[in-house]
Amino acid sequence: MTESTDLGPEDRKIVTLARSARARNGVPEGAAVRDETGRTYVAGTVRLESLKLSALQTAVAMAVASGATSLEAAAVVSEAAAPSDEDRAAVRDLGGPDTPVLLAGPDGTLRVSVTAG
């Protein structure tokens, strides 16, 4: 396990944003992604009758809808032990297989860092 303070400042920022989205919206997950220009997109879990997206899928969709063409990094705050295959696929689709995906617990402590690939 790695403390979030071991991350660089930009990665620490997206973990903090993801954690804030989760807490503020009272959702199971919060996520943030950073695009190729350094812009960040923050989202929570979407659970509607007709639409269900994880927080990370929602953040990636927001980036795409805003014109992002790539991702530098992604972060999700969750109780999960690892990023889901679906979340990694969404990040991989936009950022490529080497894009880091950071998973932190609700307290912001980094649990795992993997690539999207």
N, C-alpha and C. Protein backbone atom coordinates (compact mmCIF):
# COMPACT_ATOMS: atom_id res chain seq x y z
N MET A 1 0.84 -1.17 0.00
CA MET A 1 0.00 0.00 0.00
C MET A 1 0.89 1.24 0.00
N THR A 2 0.51 2.24 -0.78
CA THR A 2 1.27 3.47 -0.89
C THR A 2 0.44 4.62 -0.37
N GLU A 3 1.01 5.47 0.45
CA GLU A 3 0.30 6.65 0.92
C GLU A 3 0.11 7.62 -0.24
N SER A 4 -0.99 8.35 -0.22
CA SER A 4 -1.24 9.29 -1.31
C SER A 4 -0.21 10.41 -1.30
N THR A 5 0.48 10.62 -0.18
CA THR A 5 1.52 11.64 -0.13
C THR A 5 2.74 11.20 -0.93
N ASP A 6 2.85 9.92 -1.29
CA ASP A 6 3.95 9.44 -2.11
C ASP A 6 3.73 9.77 -3.59
N LEU A 7 2.56 10.25 -3.93
CA LEU A 7 2.24 10.61 -5.30
C LEU A 7 2.78 12.00 -5.61
N GLY A 8 2.96 12.26 -6.90
CA GLY A 8 3.31 13.61 -7.32
C GLY A 8 2.13 14.54 -7.08
N PRO A 9 2.36 15.84 -7.12
CA PRO A 9 1.28 16.78 -6.81
C PRO A 9 0.08 16.69 -7.75
N GLU A 10 0.29 16.43 -9.02
CA GLU A 10 -0.84 16.34 -9.96
C GLU A 10 -1.67 15.09 -9.72
N ASP A 11 -1.01 13.98 -9.39
CA ASP A 11 -1.75 12.76 -9.07
C ASP A 11 -2.46 12.88 -7.73
N ARG A 12 -1.82 13.53 -6.77
CA ARG A 12 -2.45 13.77 -5.47
C ARG A 12 -3.72 14.61 -5.68
N LYS A 13 -3.65 15.57 -6.60
CA LYS A 13 -4.79 16.44 -6.87
C LYS A 13 -5.98 15.64 -7.37
N ILE A 14 -5.77 14.72 -8.32
CA ILE A 14 -6.92 13.98 -8.85
C ILE A 14 -7.49 13.00 -7.82
N VAL A 15 -6.64 12.47 -6.94
CA VAL A 15 -7.15 11.62 -5.85
C VAL A 15 -8.01 12.47 -4.92
N THR A 16 -7.55 13.66 -4.58
CA THR A 16 -8.31 14.55 -3.70
C THR A 16 -9.64 14.95 -4.34
N LEU A 17 -9.62 15.27 -5.62
CA LEU A 17 -10.85 15.62 -6.33
C LEU A 17 -11.84 14.45 -6.35
N ALA A 18 -11.33 13.25 -6.59
CA ALA A 18 -12.18 12.06 -6.61
C ALA A 18 -12.79 11.81 -5.23
N ARG A 19 -11.98 11.97 -4.22
CA ARG A 19 -12.45 11.77 -2.84
C ARG A 19 -13.53 12.79 -2.50
N SER A 20 -13.33 14.03 -2.91
CA SER A 20 -14.30 15.09 -2.65
C SER A 20 -15.63 14.83 -3.36
N ALA A 21 -15.57 14.36 -4.60
CA ALA A 21 -16.79 14.07 -5.35
C ALA A 21 -17.59 12.96 -4.67
N ARG A 22 -16.90 11.95 -4.19
CA ARG A 22 -17.56 10.84 -3.51
C ARG A 22 -18.27 11.33 -2.26
N ALA A 23 -17.56 12.10 -1.45
CA ALA A 23 -18.12 12.59 -0.19
C ALA A 23 -19.25 13.59 -0.43
N ARG A 24 -19.03 14.53 -1.32
CA ARG A 24 -20.00 15.60 -1.57
C ARG A 24 -21.32 15.05 -2.11
N ASN A 25 -21.23 14.06 -2.99
CA ASN A 25 -22.43 13.54 -3.63
C ASN A 25 -23.02 12.31 -2.95
N GLY A 26 -22.33 11.79 -1.94
CA GLY A 26 -22.83 10.63 -1.22
C GLY A 26 -22.98 9.41 -2.10
N VAL A 27 -22.03 9.22 -3.01
CA VAL A 27 -22.07 8.09 -3.95
C VAL A 27 -21.00 7.06 -3.59
N PRO A 28 -21.14 5.82 -4.09
CA PRO A 28 -20.17 4.78 -3.75
C PRO A 28 -18.75 5.06 -4.23
N GLU A 29 -18.63 5.77 -5.35
CA GLU A 29 -17.30 6.05 -5.92
C GLU A 29 -17.23 7.49 -6.39
N GLY A 30 -16.03 8.04 -6.31
CA GLY A 30 -15.72 9.32 -6.94
C GLY A 30 -14.53 9.10 -7.83
N ALA A 31 -14.43 9.85 -8.91
CA ALA A 31 -13.31 9.67 -9.84
C ALA A 31 -12.90 11.01 -10.43
N ALA A 32 -11.67 11.05 -10.89
CA ALA A 32 -11.17 12.22 -11.61
C ALA A 32 -10.16 11.73 -12.64
N VAL A 33 -10.15 12.40 -13.78
CA VAL A 33 -9.16 12.11 -14.81
C VAL A 33 -8.50 13.42 -15.21
N ARG A 34 -7.27 13.31 -15.69
CA ARG A 34 -6.51 14.47 -16.19
C ARG A 34 -6.21 14.22 -17.66
N ASP A 35 -6.59 15.19 -18.50
CA ASP A 35 -6.39 15.01 -19.94
C ASP A 35 -5.00 15.48 -20.37
N GLU A 36 -4.76 15.41 -21.68
CA GLU A 36 -3.44 15.71 -22.24
C GLU A 36 -3.04 17.17 -22.07
N THR A 37 -3.99 18.04 -21.75
CA THR A 37 -3.66 19.46 -21.55
C THR A 37 -3.61 19.83 -20.08
N GLY A 38 -3.85 18.86 -19.20
CA GLY A 38 -3.83 19.12 -17.76
C GLY A 38 -5.19 19.44 -17.17
N ARG A 39 -6.23 19.50 -18.01
CA ARG A 39 -7.58 19.74 -17.48
C ARG A 39 -8.05 18.50 -16.72
N THR A 40 -8.86 18.73 -15.68
CA THR A 40 -9.39 17.62 -14.90
C THR A 40 -10.90 17.56 -15.04
N TYR A 41 -11.41 16.34 -14.94
CA TYR A 41 -12.84 16.07 -15.01
C TYR A 41 -13.17 15.19 -13.81
N VAL A 42 -14.18 15.59 -13.07
CA VAL A 42 -14.52 14.93 -11.80
C VAL A 42 -15.95 14.43 -11.88
N ALA A 43 -16.18 13.23 -11.36
CA ALA A 43 -17.53 12.66 -11.44
C ALA A 43 -17.77 11.68 -10.30
N GLY A 44 -19.02 11.39 -10.09
CA GLY A 44 -19.43 10.35 -9.15
C GLY A 44 -20.18 9.26 -9.89
N THR A 45 -20.52 8.23 -9.17
CA THR A 45 -21.28 7.12 -9.71
C THR A 45 -22.64 7.62 -10.22
N VAL A 46 -23.08 7.10 -11.36
CA VAL A 46 -24.40 7.42 -11.90
C VAL A 46 -25.27 6.18 -11.80
N ARG A 47 -26.37 6.28 -11.10
CA ARG A 47 -27.31 5.16 -10.96
C ARG A 47 -28.72 5.66 -11.24
N LEU A 48 -29.11 5.61 -12.49
CA LEU A 48 -30.47 5.94 -12.90
C LEU A 48 -31.15 4.66 -13.35
N GLU A 49 -32.44 4.72 -13.47
CA GLU A 49 -33.17 3.54 -13.95
C GLU A 49 -32.66 3.10 -15.32
N SER A 50 -32.37 4.07 -16.19
CA SER A 50 -31.98 3.76 -17.56
C SER A 50 -30.48 3.87 -17.84
N LEU A 51 -29.70 4.31 -16.87
CA LEU A 51 -28.27 4.53 -17.10
C LEU A 51 -27.48 4.24 -15.84
N LYS A 52 -26.50 3.36 -15.96
CA LYS A 52 -25.64 3.02 -14.84
C LYS A 52 -24.19 3.11 -15.30
N LEU A 53 -23.43 4.04 -14.68
CA LEU A 53 -22.02 4.23 -15.00
C LEU A 53 -21.23 4.33 -13.71
N SER A 54 -20.06 3.74 -13.72
CA SER A 54 -19.16 3.94 -12.58
C SER A 54 -18.67 5.38 -12.61
N ALA A 55 -18.11 5.82 -11.52
CA ALA A 55 -17.58 7.18 -11.45
C ALA A 55 -16.49 7.39 -12.49
N LEU A 56 -15.63 6.39 -12.67
CA LEU A 56 -14.53 6.55 -13.63
C LEU A 56 -15.05 6.57 -15.06
N GLN A 57 -16.02 5.74 -15.38
CA GLN A 57 -16.62 5.78 -16.71
C GLN A 57 -17.25 7.15 -16.96
N THR A 58 -17.90 7.71 -15.96
CA THR A 58 -18.52 9.02 -16.10
C THR A 58 -17.47 10.11 -16.31
N ALA A 59 -16.38 10.06 -15.56
CA ALA A 59 -15.31 11.06 -15.72
C ALA A 59 -14.68 10.97 -17.12
N VAL A 60 -14.47 9.76 -17.61
CA VAL A 60 -13.93 9.59 -18.96
C VAL A 60 -14.92 10.13 -19.99
N ALA A 61 -16.20 9.85 -19.82
CA ALA A 61 -17.21 10.36 -20.74
C ALA A 61 -17.23 11.89 -20.73
N MET A 62 -17.09 12.49 -19.56
CA MET A 62 -17.05 13.96 -19.46
C MET A 62 -15.84 14.52 -20.21
N ALA A 63 -14.70 13.84 -20.09
CA ALA A 63 -13.50 14.29 -20.80
C ALA A 63 -13.71 14.22 -22.31
N VAL A 64 -14.25 13.11 -22.78
CA VAL A 64 -14.51 12.96 -24.22
C VAL A 64 -15.50 14.02 -24.70
N ALA A 65 -16.57 14.22 -23.95
CA ALA A 65 -17.59 15.20 -24.32
C ALA A 65 -17.04 16.63 -24.34
N SER A 66 -15.96 16.85 -23.61
CA SER A 66 -15.35 18.18 -23.56
C SER A 66 -14.22 18.35 -24.57
N GLY A 67 -13.97 17.31 -25.37
CA GLY A 67 -12.98 17.42 -26.44
C GLY A 67 -11.61 16.85 -26.13
N ALA A 68 -11.44 16.19 -25.00
CA ALA A 68 -10.14 15.58 -24.69
C ALA A 68 -9.83 14.50 -25.72
N THR A 69 -8.55 14.42 -26.08
CA THR A 69 -8.14 13.40 -27.05
C THR A 69 -7.25 12.34 -26.42
N SER A 70 -6.87 12.53 -25.16
CA SER A 70 -6.04 11.56 -24.46
C SER A 70 -6.13 11.82 -22.96
N LEU A 71 -5.66 10.87 -22.18
CA LEU A 71 -5.60 11.03 -20.72
C LEU A 71 -4.18 10.83 -20.24
N GLU A 72 -3.78 11.61 -19.25
CA GLU A 72 -2.48 11.43 -18.59
C GLU A 72 -2.60 10.49 -17.40
N ALA A 73 -3.74 10.55 -16.67
CA ALA A 73 -3.91 9.72 -15.47
C ALA A 73 -5.38 9.71 -15.08
N ALA A 74 -5.73 8.70 -14.30
CA ALA A 74 -7.09 8.56 -13.78
C ALA A 74 -7.00 8.12 -12.32
N ALA A 75 -7.99 8.55 -11.54
CA ALA A 75 -8.05 8.14 -10.14
C ALA A 75 -9.49 7.83 -9.77
N VAL A 76 -9.65 6.83 -8.93
CA VAL A 76 -10.97 6.48 -8.42
C VAL A 76 -10.84 6.24 -6.92
N VAL A 77 -11.82 6.72 -6.17
CA VAL A 77 -11.88 6.50 -4.73
C VAL A 77 -13.08 5.60 -4.48
N SER A 78 -12.81 4.47 -3.84
CA SER A 78 -13.83 3.43 -3.72
C SER A 78 -13.46 2.49 -2.58
N GLU A 79 -14.43 1.68 -2.20
CA GLU A 79 -14.17 0.59 -1.25
C GLU A 79 -13.58 -0.63 -1.95
N ALA A 80 -13.58 -0.63 -3.27
CA ALA A 80 -13.11 -1.77 -4.05
C ALA A 80 -11.63 -2.06 -3.79
N ALA A 81 -11.24 -3.28 -4.04
CA ALA A 81 -9.84 -3.68 -3.87
C ALA A 81 -8.99 -3.40 -5.10
N ALA A 82 -9.64 -3.25 -6.26
CA ALA A 82 -8.91 -3.01 -7.51
C ALA A 82 -9.86 -2.32 -8.49
N PRO A 83 -9.31 -1.57 -9.44
CA PRO A 83 -10.17 -0.98 -10.48
C PRO A 83 -10.81 -2.09 -11.31
N SER A 84 -12.06 -1.89 -11.68
CA SER A 84 -12.75 -2.92 -12.46
C SER A 84 -12.18 -2.97 -13.88
N ASP A 85 -12.38 -4.10 -14.54
CA ASP A 85 -11.96 -4.24 -15.93
C ASP A 85 -12.65 -3.21 -16.82
N GLU A 86 -13.92 -2.92 -16.53
CA GLU A 86 -14.67 -1.94 -17.32
C GLU A 86 -14.08 -0.54 -17.15
N ASP A 87 -13.69 -0.19 -15.94
CA ASP A 87 -13.07 1.12 -15.70
C ASP A 87 -11.74 1.23 -16.43
N ARG A 88 -10.93 0.19 -16.33
CA ARG A 88 -9.64 0.22 -17.01
C ARG A 88 -9.82 0.30 -18.53
N ALA A 89 -10.85 -0.37 -19.04
CA ALA A 89 -11.11 -0.32 -20.49
C ALA A 89 -11.50 1.09 -20.92
N ALA A 90 -12.31 1.79 -20.13
CA ALA A 90 -12.71 3.15 -20.48
C ALA A 90 -11.49 4.07 -20.51
N VAL A 91 -10.61 3.94 -19.52
CA VAL A 91 -9.39 4.75 -19.50
C VAL A 91 -8.49 4.38 -20.68
N ARG A 92 -8.36 3.10 -20.95
CA ARG A 92 -7.53 2.63 -22.07
C ARG A 92 -8.04 3.15 -23.41
N ASP A 93 -9.36 3.18 -23.60
CA ASP A 93 -9.94 3.66 -24.85
C ASP A 93 -9.52 5.09 -25.16
N LEU A 94 -9.41 5.93 -24.14
CA LEU A 94 -9.05 7.33 -24.38
C LEU A 94 -7.57 7.59 -24.15
N GLY A 95 -6.99 6.96 -23.16
CA GLY A 95 -5.61 7.28 -22.79
C GLY A 95 -4.55 6.31 -23.28
N GLY A 96 -4.96 5.12 -23.67
CA GLY A 96 -4.00 4.10 -24.08
C GLY A 96 -3.65 3.16 -22.95
N PRO A 97 -2.97 2.06 -23.26
CA PRO A 97 -2.72 1.01 -22.27
C PRO A 97 -1.76 1.40 -21.15
N ASP A 98 -0.94 2.42 -21.35
CA ASP A 98 0.03 2.79 -20.32
C ASP A 98 -0.47 3.86 -19.36
N THR A 99 -1.70 4.31 -19.53
CA THR A 99 -2.25 5.35 -18.65
C THR A 99 -2.40 4.82 -17.24
N PRO A 100 -1.83 5.51 -16.23
CA PRO A 100 -1.97 5.05 -14.85
C PRO A 100 -3.40 5.21 -14.34
N VAL A 101 -3.85 4.19 -13.62
CA VAL A 101 -5.14 4.22 -12.94
C VAL A 101 -4.85 4.04 -11.46
N LEU A 102 -5.17 5.06 -10.68
CA LEU A 102 -4.91 5.06 -9.25
C LEU A 102 -6.20 4.71 -8.52
N LEU A 103 -6.13 3.79 -7.58
CA LEU A 103 -7.29 3.45 -6.75
C LEU A 103 -6.95 3.78 -5.31
N ALA A 104 -7.76 4.65 -4.72
CA ALA A 104 -7.57 5.03 -3.32
C ALA A 104 -8.80 4.63 -2.52
N GLY A 105 -8.59 4.41 -1.24
CA GLY A 105 -9.70 4.15 -0.34
C GLY A 105 -10.40 5.45 0.01
N PRO A 106 -11.51 5.36 0.72
CA PRO A 106 -12.26 6.56 1.10
C PRO A 106 -11.45 7.58 1.91
N ASP A 107 -10.41 7.12 2.58
CA ASP A 107 -9.56 8.04 3.36
C ASP A 107 -8.48 8.70 2.50
N GLY A 108 -8.45 8.36 1.22
CA GLY A 108 -7.46 8.95 0.31
C GLY A 108 -6.16 8.19 0.20
N THR A 109 -6.03 7.11 0.96
CA THR A 109 -4.82 6.31 0.91
C THR A 109 -4.80 5.47 -0.37
N LEU A 110 -3.73 5.60 -1.13
CA LEU A 110 -3.60 4.85 -2.36
C LEU A 110 -3.52 3.36 -2.06
N ARG A 111 -4.39 2.59 -2.67
CA ARG A 111 -4.38 1.13 -2.48
C ARG A 111 -3.58 0.44 -3.57
N VAL A 112 -3.75 0.92 -4.81
CA VAL A 112 -3.07 0.28 -5.92
C VAL A 112 -2.95 1.27 -7.07
N SER A 113 -1.89 1.14 -7.81
CA SER A 113 -1.69 1.91 -9.04
C SER A 113 -1.37 0.89 -10.13
N VAL A 114 -2.23 0.87 -11.16
CA VAL A 114 -2.06 -0.06 -12.28
C VAL A 114 -2.12 0.75 -13.56
N THR A 115 -1.81 0.10 -14.66
CA THR A 115 -2.01 0.77 -15.95
C THR A 115 -3.35 0.33 -16.52
N ALA A 116 -3.85 1.11 -17.45
CA ALA A 116 -5.14 0.80 -18.06
C ALA A 116 -5.07 -0.45 -18.92
N GLY A 117 -3.87 -0.80 -19.38
CA GLY A 117 -3.68 -1.88 -20.32
C GLY A 117 -3.87 -3.22 -19.79
